[in-house]
C-alpha atoms as a PDB file:
ATOM      1  CA  MET A   1     164.820  78.935 261.848  1.00  0.00           C
ATOM      2  CA  LYS A   2     163.668  76.400 264.393  1.00  0.00           C
ATOM      3  CA  ILE A   3     166.323  73.909 265.413  1.00  0.00           C
ATOM      4  CA  SER A   4     163.845  71.079 264.884  1.00  0.00           C
ATOM      5  CA  SER A   5     163.286  72.190 261.274  1.00  0.00           C
ATOM      6  CA  ALA A   6     167.009  72.072 260.558  1.00  0.00           C
ATOM      7  CA  VAL A   7     167.230  68.582 262.053  1.00  0.00           C
ATOM      8  CA  ILE A   8     164.167  67.261 260.198  1.00  0.00           C
ATOM      9  CA  ASN A   9     165.451  68.601 256.860  1.00  0.00           C
ATOM     10  CA  GLN A  10     168.931  67.174 257.577  1.00  0.00           C
ATOM     11  CA  LEU A  11     170.684  70.513 257.103  1.00  0.00           C
ATOM     12  CA  GLN A  12     174.378  70.820 257.929  1.00  0.00           C
ATOM     13  CA  ILE A  13     174.505  72.650 261.262  1.00  0.00           C
ATOM     14  CA  GLN A  14     177.449  74.942 262.038  1.00  0.00           C
ATOM     15  CA  TYR A  15     177.837  75.611 265.773  1.00  0.00           C
ATOM     16  CA  GLU A  16     178.491  79.264 266.606  1.00  0.00           C
ATOM     17  CA  THR A  17     176.809  80.925 269.597  1.00  0.00           C
ATOM     18  CA  THR A  18     175.577  84.504 269.342  1.00  0.00           C
ATOM     19  CA  ASP A  19     172.911  86.767 270.825  1.00  0.00           C
ATOM     20  CA  LEU A  20     169.993  87.845 268.659  1.00  0.00           C
ATOM     21  CA  LYS A  21     168.642  91.230 269.760  1.00  0.00           C
ATOM     22  CA  SER A  22     165.412  92.944 268.800  1.00  0.00           C
ATOM     23  CA  PHE A  23     163.894  96.392 269.095  1.00  0.00           C
ATOM     24  CA  GLY A  24     162.839  97.088 272.652  1.00  0.00           C
ATOM     25  CA  PRO A  25     164.276  96.543 276.136  1.00  0.00           C
ATOM     26  CA  SER A  26     167.758  95.023 276.467  1.00  0.00           C
ATOM     27  CA  GLU A  27     166.324  91.827 277.968  1.00  0.00           C
ATOM     28  CA  PHE A  28     164.548  91.084 274.674  1.00  0.00           C
ATOM     29  CA  ARG A  29     167.231  88.783 273.304  1.00  0.00           C
ATOM     30  CA  VAL A  30     167.557  85.154 272.242  1.00  0.00           C
ATOM     31  CA  ILE A  31     170.651  82.962 272.222  1.00  0.00           C
ATOM     32  CA  SER A  32     171.321  81.253 268.889  1.00  0.00           C
ATOM     33  CA  PRO A  33     173.659  78.245 269.300  1.00  0.00           C
ATOM     34  CA  ALA A  34     174.247  77.569 265.584  1.00  0.00           C
ATOM     35  CA  TYR A  35     173.409  78.420 261.986  1.00  0.00           C
ATOM     36  CA  VAL A  36     172.807  76.779 258.599  1.00  0.00           C
ATOM     37  CA  ILE A  37     173.422  77.902 255.017  1.00  0.00           C
ATOM     38  CA  VAL A  38     170.232  77.764 252.970  1.00  0.00           C
ATOM     39  CA  ASN A  39     168.709  78.846 249.663  1.00  0.00           C
ATOM     40  CA  ILE A  40     165.462  80.788 250.075  1.00  0.00           C
ATOM     41  CA  LYS A  41     162.818  81.162 247.358  1.00  0.00           C
ATOM     42  CA  ILE A  42     159.689  83.287 247.783  1.00  0.00           C
ATOM     43  CA  ASP A  43     157.377  83.837 244.808  1.00  0.00           C
ATOM     44  CA  ASN A  44     159.746  84.424 241.853  1.00  0.00           C
ATOM     45  CA  ALA A  45     162.744  85.574 243.907  1.00  0.00           C
ATOM     46  CA  THR A  46     165.596  83.268 244.942  1.00  0.00           C
ATOM     47  CA  VAL A  47     168.678  84.043 247.050  1.00  0.00           C
ATOM     48  CA  SER A  48     171.378  81.415 247.603  1.00  0.00           C
ATOM     49  CA  ASN A  49     173.822  80.834 250.459  1.00  0.00           C
ATOM     50  CA  ILE A  50     171.986  82.773 253.171  1.00  0.00           C
ATOM     51  CA  LYS A  51     173.295  82.410 256.719  1.00  0.00           C
ATOM     52  CA  CYS A  52     170.235  81.389 258.748  1.00  0.00           C
ATOM     53  CA  ARG A  53     170.482  81.455 262.558  1.00  0.00           C
ATOM     54  CA  LEU A  54     168.909  78.644 264.590  1.00  0.00           C
ATOM     55  CA  VAL A  55     166.864  79.189 267.750  1.00  0.00           C
ATOM     56  CA  SER A  56     164.951  76.926 270.096  1.00  0.00           C
ATOM     57  CA  ASP A  57     161.431  75.991 269.027  1.00  0.00           C
ATOM     58  CA  GLU A  58     159.747  77.864 271.896  1.00  0.00           C
ATOM     59  CA  ASN A  59     161.293  81.160 270.722  1.00  0.00           C
ATOM     60  CA  LEU A  60     159.894  80.997 267.182  1.00  0.00           C
ATOM     61  CA  PRO A  61     156.179  80.445 266.421  1.00  0.00           C
ATOM     62  CA  VAL A  62     156.853  79.665 262.724  1.00  0.00           C
ATOM     63  CA  GLU A  63     159.241  77.316 260.906  1.00  0.00           C
ATOM     64  CA  ILE A  64     161.456  80.127 259.588  1.00  0.00           C
ATOM     65  CA  LEU A  65     161.495  83.906 259.908  1.00  0.00           C
ATOM     66  CA  VAL A  66     162.752  85.621 256.736  1.00  0.00           C
ATOM     67  CA  GLY A  67     164.589  88.877 257.332  1.00  0.00           C
ATOM     68  CA  ARG A  68     166.822  91.471 255.720  1.00  0.00           C
ATOM     69  CA  PRO A  69     169.471  89.098 254.291  1.00  0.00           C
ATOM     70  CA  PHE A  70     166.738  88.126 251.820  1.00  0.00           C
ATOM     71  CA  THR A  71     164.518  91.235 251.557  1.00  0.00           C
ATOM     72  CA  ASP A  72     167.487  93.641 251.214  1.00  0.00           C
ATOM     73  CA  HIS A  73     169.370  91.524 248.676  1.00  0.00           C
ATOM     74  CA  GLU A  74     170.346  93.497 245.566  1.00  0.00           C
ATOM     75  CA  THR A  75     168.470  91.121 243.233  1.00  0.00           C
ATOM     76  CA  VAL A  76     165.230  91.072 245.253  1.00  0.00           C
ATOM     77  CA  LYS A  77     162.479  93.679 245.029  1.00  0.00           C
ATOM     78  CA  TYR A  78     159.029  93.511 246.560  1.00  0.00           C
ATOM     79  CA  VAL A  79     155.697  95.337 246.381  1.00  0.00           C
ATOM     80  CA  LYS A  80     153.186  95.595 249.210  1.00  0.00           C
ATOM     81  CA  GLU A  81     149.482  95.383 248.357  1.00  0.00           C
ATOM     82  CA  GLY A  82     147.308  95.429 251.479  1.00  0.00           C
ATOM     83  CA  ASP A  83     148.797  92.869 253.870  1.00  0.00           C
ATOM     84  CA  THR A  84     150.553  90.895 251.113  1.00  0.00           C
ATOM     85  CA  LEU A  85     154.165  91.195 249.915  1.00  0.00           C
ATOM     86  CA  THR A  86     154.958  90.035 246.376  1.00  0.00           C
ATOM     87  CA  PHE A  87     158.650  89.356 245.629  1.00  0.00           C
ATOM     88  CA  PHE A  88     160.411  89.660 242.253  1.00  0.00           C
ATOM     89  CA  GLN A  89     163.834  88.685 240.939  1.00  0.00           C
ATOM     90  CA  VAL A  90     165.600  91.572 239.213  1.00  0.00           C
ATOM     91  CA  ASP A  91     168.942  92.013 237.503  1.00  0.00           C
ATOM     92  CA  VAL A  92     171.965  93.412 239.288  1.00  0.00           C
ATOM     93  CA  PRO A  93     171.682  97.232 239.576  1.00  0.00           C
ATOM     94  CA  LEU A  94     172.710  99.143 236.451  1.00  0.00           C
ATOM     95  CA  THR A  95     175.380 101.151 238.253  1.00  0.00           C
ATOM     96  CA  ALA A  96     178.045  99.973 240.637  1.00  0.00           C
ATOM     97  CA  PRO A  97     177.270 100.548 244.348  1.00  0.00           C
ATOM     98  CA  GLY A  98     178.670 103.814 245.606  1.00  0.00           C
ATOM     99  CA  LEU A  99     178.938 105.417 242.153  1.00  0.00           C
ATOM    100  CA  HIS A 100     178.629 109.198 241.919  1.00  0.00           C
ATOM    101  CA  LEU A 101     175.258 110.430 240.666  1.00  0.00           C
ATOM    102  CA  ARG A 102     175.416 113.847 239.024  1.00  0.00           C
ATOM    103  CA  ALA A 103     172.842 116.370 237.835  1.00  0.00           C
ATOM    104  CA  ARG A 104     172.316 116.104 234.105  1.00  0.00           C
ATOM    105  CA  THR A 105     170.943 119.640 233.674  1.00  0.00           C
ATOM    106  CA  ASP A 106     170.683 122.844 235.687  1.00  0.00           C
ATOM    107  CA  VAL A 107     167.889 122.639 238.277  1.00  0.00           C
ATOM    108  CA  THR A 108     166.371 125.262 240.558  1.00  0.00           C
ATOM    109  CA  MET A 109     165.262 123.741 243.866  1.00  0.00           C
ATOM    110  CA  LEU A 110     162.232 125.617 245.158  1.00  0.00           C
ATOM    111  CA  PRO A 111     162.139 126.253 248.925  1.00  0.00           C
ATOM    112  CA  ASN A 112     160.425 123.659 251.117  1.00  0.00           C
ATOM    113  CA  SER A 113     159.136 121.612 248.200  1.00  0.00           C
ATOM    114  CA  ILE A 114     159.740 118.393 246.289  1.00  0.00           C
ATOM    115  CA  ASN A 115     161.543 118.783 242.972  1.00  0.00           C
ATOM    116  CA  PHE A 116     162.559 116.333 240.249  1.00  0.00           C
ATOM    117  CA  ILE A 117     166.222 116.139 239.306  1.00  0.00           C
ATOM    118  CA  GLU A 118     167.562 114.479 236.172  1.00  0.00           C
ATOM    119  CA  ILE A 119     170.548 112.457 237.356  1.00  0.00           C
ATOM    120  CA  ALA A 120     173.049 110.538 235.275  1.00  0.00           C
ATOM    121  CA  SER A 121     175.940 108.141 235.659  1.00  0.00           C
ATOM    122  CA  SER A 122     178.207 106.293 233.271  1.00  0.00           C
ATOM    123  CA  ASP A 123     175.583 103.542 232.909  1.00  0.00           C
ATOM    124  CA  GLY A 124     172.302 105.399 232.614  1.00  0.00           C
ATOM    125  CA  SER A 125     170.074 108.235 233.729  1.00  0.00           C
ATOM    126  CA  CYS A 126     166.717 108.781 235.391  1.00  0.00           C
ATOM    127  CA  ARG A 127     164.572 111.347 237.174  1.00  0.00           C
ATOM    128  CA  VAL A 128     164.343 111.242 240.968  1.00  0.00           C
ATOM    129  CA  PRO A 129     162.373 113.340 243.478  1.00  0.00           C
ATOM    130  CA  ALA A 130     164.419 115.475 245.865  1.00  0.00           C
ATOM    131  CA  THR A 131     163.234 117.485 248.861  1.00  0.00           C
ATOM    132  CA  GLY A 132     164.350 121.093 249.010  1.00  0.00           C
ATOM    133  CA  ASN A 133     164.637 121.832 252.733  1.00  0.00           C
ATOM    134  CA  TYR A 134     165.865 125.363 252.136  1.00  0.00           C
ATOM    135  CA  PRO A 135     164.281 128.712 253.096  1.00  0.00           C
ATOM    136  CA  VAL A 136     165.174 130.133 249.660  1.00  0.00           C
ATOM    137  CA  SER A 137     165.520 128.777 246.124  1.00  0.00           C
ATOM    138  CA  THR A 138     168.760 126.875 245.473  1.00  0.00           C
ATOM    139  CA  ARG A 139     170.307 126.259 242.071  1.00  0.00           C
ATOM    140  CA  ILE A 140     172.065 122.989 241.255  1.00  0.00           C
ATOM    141  CA  LYS A 141     174.405 123.260 238.302  1.00  0.00           C
ATOM    142  CA  GLU A 142     174.872 120.696 235.573  1.00  0.00           C
ATOM    143  CA  GLY A 143     177.437 118.068 236.582  1.00  0.00           C
ATOM    144  CA  ALA A 144     177.108 118.721 240.319  1.00  0.00           C
ATOM    145  CA  SER A 145     177.341 115.617 242.507  1.00  0.00           C
ATOM    146  CA  ILE A 146     173.953 114.737 243.992  1.00  0.00           C
ATOM    147  CA  GLY A 147     175.265 111.859 246.053  1.00  0.00           C
ATOM    148  CA  ARG A 148     176.423 108.284 245.841  1.00  0.00           C
ATOM    149  CA  GLY A 149     174.066 105.455 245.050  1.00  0.00           C
ATOM    150  CA  GLU A 150     172.830 103.066 242.418  1.00  0.00           C
ATOM    151  CA  ILE A 151     170.140 103.014 239.739  1.00  0.00           C
ATOM    152  CA  ALA A 152     167.931  99.926 239.637  1.00  0.00           C
ATOM    153  CA  GLU A 153     165.016  98.859 237.455  1.00  0.00           C
ATOM    154  CA  LEU A 154     161.846  97.670 239.195  1.00  0.00           C
ATOM    155  CA  PRO A 155     159.371  95.273 237.577  1.00  0.00           C
ATOM    156  CA  VAL A 156     155.920  96.498 236.599  1.00  0.00           C
ATOM    157  CA  LEU A 157     153.235  94.951 238.761  1.00  0.00           C
ATOM    158  CA  THR A 158     149.760  94.544 237.329  1.00  0.00           C
ATOM    159  CA  ILE A 159     147.187  94.355 240.124  1.00  0.00           C
ATOM    160  CA  VAL A 160     143.940  92.673 239.097  1.00  0.00           C
ATOM    161  CA  PRO A 161     141.021  93.364 241.468  1.00  0.00           C
ATOM    162  CA  GLU A 162     139.377  90.279 242.909  1.00  0.00           C
ATOM    163  CA  LYS A 163     136.015  89.504 241.352  1.00  0.00           C
ATOM    164  CA  ARG A 164     132.964  88.894 243.509  1.00  0.00           C
ATOM    165  CA  PRO A 165     131.514  85.352 243.607  1.00  0.00           C
ATOM    166  CA  ILE A 166     128.650  84.635 241.216  1.00  0.00           C
ATOM    167  CA  LYS A 167     125.290  83.835 242.801  1.00  0.00           C
ATOM    168  CA  MET A 168     122.909  81.064 241.807  1.00  0.00           C
ATOM    169  CA  GLU A 169     120.214  83.496 240.622  1.00  0.00           C
ATOM    170  CA  GLU A 170     122.631  84.982 238.094  1.00  0.00           C
ATOM    171  CA  ILE A 171     122.963  81.677 236.220  1.00  0.00           C
ATOM    172  CA  VAL A 172     120.404  80.499 233.659  1.00  0.00           C
ATOM    173  CA  ILE A 173     120.181  76.702 233.889  1.00  0.00           C
ATOM    174  CA  GLY A 174     117.738  74.305 232.285  1.00  0.00           C
ATOM    175  CA  GLU A 175     114.834  73.356 234.530  1.00  0.00           C
ATOM    176  CA  ARG A 176     115.592  69.640 234.174  1.00  0.00           C
ATOM    177  CA  ARG A 177     118.870  69.985 236.037  1.00  0.00           C
ATOM    178  CA  ILE A 178     118.701  68.634 239.577  1.00  0.00           C
ATOM    179  CA  THR A 179     119.773  70.726 242.573  1.00  0.00           C
ATOM    180  CA  GLU A 180     123.097  68.872 242.999  1.00  0.00           C
ATOM    181  CA  SER A 181     124.076  69.623 239.395  1.00  0.00           C
ATOM    182  CA  ARG A 182     123.233  73.296 239.827  1.00  0.00           C
ATOM    183  CA  GLU A 183     125.413  73.578 242.948  1.00  0.00           C
ATOM    184  CA  GLU A 184     128.261  71.706 241.259  1.00  0.00           C
ATOM    185  CA  LEU A 185     128.083  74.035 238.238  1.00  0.00           C
ATOM    186  CA  LEU A 186     128.095  77.100 240.510  1.00  0.00           C
ATOM    187  CA  GLY A 187     131.170  75.780 242.301  1.00  0.00           C
ATOM    188  CA  ILE A 188     133.038  75.249 239.009  1.00  0.00           C
ATOM    189  CA  ILE A 189     132.141  78.759 237.803  1.00  0.00           C
ATOM    190  CA  ASN A 190     133.417  80.394 240.998  1.00  0.00           C
ATOM    191  CA  GLU A 191     136.527  78.211 241.028  1.00  0.00           C
ATOM    192  CA  PHE A 192     137.465  79.586 237.599  1.00  0.00           C
ATOM    193  CA  ARG A 193     135.959  83.018 238.268  1.00  0.00           C
ATOM    194  CA  ASP A 194     138.746  84.777 236.314  1.00  0.00           C
ATOM    195  CA  CYS A 195     137.463  83.084 233.124  1.00  0.00           C
ATOM    196  CA  VAL A 196     133.830  84.194 233.552  1.00  0.00           C
ATOM    197  CA  ALA A 197     132.416  87.708 233.096  1.00  0.00           C
ATOM    198  CA  VAL A 198     129.018  88.904 234.314  1.00  0.00           C
ATOM    199  CA  ASP A 199     129.144  92.209 232.391  1.00  0.00           C
ATOM    200  CA  MET A 200     131.228  94.105 229.819  1.00  0.00           C
ATOM    201  CA  SER A 201     133.435  95.729 232.476  1.00  0.00           C
ATOM    202  CA  GLU A 202     134.898  92.320 233.440  1.00  0.00           C
ATOM    203  CA  ILE A 203     135.848  91.200 229.933  1.00  0.00           C
ATOM    204  CA  GLY A 204     139.157  93.088 229.830  1.00  0.00           C
ATOM    205  CA  CYS A 205     141.941  92.295 227.357  1.00  0.00           C
ATOM    206  CA  ALA A 206     143.642  89.055 226.354  1.00  0.00           C
ATOM    207  CA  ARG A 207     147.201  88.834 227.691  1.00  0.00           C
ATOM    208  CA  GLY A 208     149.913  86.646 226.255  1.00  0.00           C
ATOM    209  CA  VAL A 209     148.268  86.505 222.813  1.00  0.00           C
ATOM    210  CA  GLU A 210     149.580  88.324 219.738  1.00  0.00           C
ATOM    211  CA  ILE A 211     147.424  88.925 216.660  1.00  0.00           C
ATOM    212  CA  GLU A 212     149.041  89.898 213.368  1.00  0.00           C
ATOM    213  CA  ILE A 213     146.959  91.779 210.790  1.00  0.00           C
ATOM    214  CA  SER A 214     148.441  91.678 207.300  1.00  0.00           C
ATOM    215  CA  GLU A 215     147.863  94.656 205.017  1.00  0.00           C
ATOM    216  CA  LYS A 216     148.201  94.848 201.279  1.00  0.00           C
ATOM    217  CA  PRO A 217     151.234  96.834 200.083  1.00  0.00           C
ATOM    218  CA  GLY A 218     150.302 100.468 199.538  1.00  0.00           C
ATOM    219  CA  ALA A 219     146.899 100.116 201.239  1.00  0.00           C
ATOM    220  CA  THR A 220     145.452 103.242 202.874  1.00  0.00           C
ATOM    221  CA  PRO A 221     142.781 103.628 205.581  1.00  0.00           C
ATOM    222  CA  VAL A 222     139.181 103.704 204.442  1.00  0.00           C
ATOM    223  CA  TYR A 223     138.058 107.317 204.129  1.00  0.00           C
ATOM    224  CA  CYS A 224     134.662 108.742 203.194  1.00  0.00           C
ATOM    225  CA  LYS A 225     134.190 112.465 202.743  1.00  0.00           C
ATOM    226  CA  PRO A 226     131.363 113.834 204.954  1.00  0.00           C
ATOM    227  CA  TYR A 227     128.206 114.813 203.093  1.00  0.00           C
ATOM    228  CA  LYS A 228     124.895 116.349 204.032  1.00  0.00           C
ATOM    229  CA  ALA A 229     121.901 114.113 204.707  1.00  0.00           C
ATOM    230  CA  ARG A 230     118.356 114.691 205.765  1.00  0.00           C
ATOM    231  CA  VAL A 231     117.220 113.917 209.313  1.00  0.00           C
ATOM    232  CA  ARG A 232     115.038 111.006 208.161  1.00  0.00           C
ATOM    233  CA  GLN A 233     117.938 109.492 206.215  1.00  0.00           C
ATOM    234  CA  ASN A 234     120.151 109.592 209.291  1.00  0.00           C
ATOM    235  CA  GLU A 235     117.416 108.051 211.439  1.00  0.00           C
ATOM    236  CA  LYS A 236     116.899 105.209 208.949  1.00  0.00           C
ATOM    237  CA  ARG A 237     120.665 104.625 208.700  1.00  0.00           C
ATOM    238  CA  CYS A 238     121.061 104.530 212.504  1.00  0.00           C
ATOM    239  CA  ALA A 239     118.082 102.182 212.849  1.00  0.00           C
ATOM    240  CA  LYS A 240     119.609  99.869 210.251  1.00  0.00           C
ATOM    241  CA  PHE A 241     122.884  99.602 212.146  1.00  0.00           C
END
């Protein structure tokens, strides 16, 4: 974080000098004279009591640079879509860190391939991919220790593709409307583009709404036994519908 940002926000500065190193030559380093304790929130993820180092303003082009103390926190998960990172708050991992993960069933690891192993712990089980870097097939017996780690649940991310802007020629407007009104209407439509569909493919499904259909006790689905019909009868019936 910039020193000026800490001063402007009246954060409690703790003086402790240390060198901040980066990847590259040894001369690529910055001296940090102090730090502050802050709470960081990005999207729906929040981490409290993070030790944030302070550097001079000329060494940092942004107000704050968020790093691994936030991104690697056990309650923070993120998904990358293009150039955008979306952060989520998740529960503490289901298993304790460093817990033994064991094979739940016998598995034959094929040579030089990726195999799925059913692993289990005292708190849950899941399937994980494992690379078999062996010249021959290797058999893993039930109960064998696969390693030490933790099982965590990730949130499901629904990615909605961005809709293209609607053009003026796609809107049917009364001829009496003046040009300014037409442009204003077009702006409102594109501002709330997610609420407007130009074809059936953009209608989608309603989210966050539950519909309850009540059935009579003992009711059964409507069923009609197939029967033969002449070609003209079918044509008339199809034309009617």
